[in-house]
Amino acid sequence: MKTQSYAQLQRRYGGQFVATYRGRVIASARTSKALFKRIAKYIGDASLFIQYIAPQRAVCIY
């Protein structure tokens, strides 16, 4: 299983929601609703991780 750094994810998926399963990206979409439709069969599995990938050069203030 090859994991990707956040910078690599930003280059490819910046501005999108991403679902990873066992360390691999299985789906991405511009909206969370669209992403959930694509990953319906994985929901409930403890290995599923969903996150929003900020665009490159985005300023995030927490």
Protein backbone atom coordinates (compact mmCIF):
# COMPACT_ATOMS: atom_id res chain seq x y z
CA MET A 1 0.00 0.00 0.00
CA LYS A 2 1.53 3.28 -1.12
CA THR A 3 0.33 6.34 0.78
CA GLN A 4 0.36 9.82 -0.71
CA SER A 5 1.44 13.01 1.01
CA TYR A 6 -1.06 15.82 1.45
CA ALA A 7 0.89 17.90 -1.10
CA GLN A 8 0.47 15.14 -3.69
CA LEU A 9 -3.25 14.97 -2.94
CA GLN A 10 -3.52 18.76 -3.34
CA ARG A 11 -1.94 18.66 -6.79
CA ARG A 12 -4.43 16.09 -8.04
CA TYR A 13 -7.55 16.60 -5.90
CA GLY A 14 -7.33 20.22 -4.67
CA GLY A 15 -10.79 21.68 -4.01
CA GLN A 16 -12.47 18.26 -3.86
CA PHE A 17 -13.74 15.76 -1.30
CA VAL A 18 -11.74 12.54 -1.30
CA ALA A 19 -12.50 9.09 0.09
CA THR A 20 -9.63 6.76 0.92
CA TYR A 21 -10.00 3.09 1.72
CA ARG A 22 -7.09 1.21 3.23
CA GLY A 23 -4.72 3.99 2.22
CA ARG A 24 -5.80 4.30 -1.43
CA VAL A 25 -7.99 6.97 -3.00
CA ILE A 26 -11.17 5.26 -4.18
CA ALA A 27 -13.28 8.28 -5.17
CA SER A 28 -13.32 12.06 -5.40
CA ALA A 29 -15.97 14.65 -6.13
CA ARG A 30 -16.57 18.41 -5.97
CA THR A 31 -19.41 17.97 -3.43
CA SER A 32 -19.80 15.69 -0.45
CA LYS A 33 -23.21 14.56 -1.69
CA ALA A 34 -21.73 13.35 -4.99
CA LEU A 35 -18.92 11.60 -3.12
CA PHE A 36 -21.32 9.74 -0.82
CA LYS A 37 -23.21 8.43 -3.85
CA ARG A 38 -19.98 7.01 -5.25
CA ILE A 39 -18.87 5.30 -2.05
CA ALA A 40 -22.20 3.97 -0.74
CA LYS A 41 -20.97 0.38 -0.50
CA TYR A 42 -18.02 1.39 1.73
CA ILE A 43 -20.00 3.47 4.27
CA GLY A 44 -19.80 1.87 7.71
CA ASP A 45 -16.39 0.31 7.15
CA ALA A 46 -13.77 1.44 9.69
CA SER A 47 -11.11 1.64 6.94
CA LEU A 48 -12.97 4.40 5.07
CA PHE A 49 -11.64 7.95 5.53
CA ILE A 50 -13.26 11.04 3.99
CA GLN A 51 -11.63 14.45 3.82
CA TYR A 52 -11.73 17.75 1.96
CA ILE A 53 -8.49 18.60 0.17
CA ALA A 54 -7.83 22.33 0.16
CA PRO A 55 -6.69 23.84 -3.14
CA GLN A 56 -3.00 24.60 -3.54
CA ARG A 57 -2.04 28.02 -2.22
CA ALA A 58 -5.20 28.21 -0.11
CA VAL A 59 -4.98 30.12 3.14
CA CYS A 60 -6.67 28.19 5.94
CA ILE A 61 -7.32 29.95 9.23
CA TYR A 62 -8.39 27.82 12.17
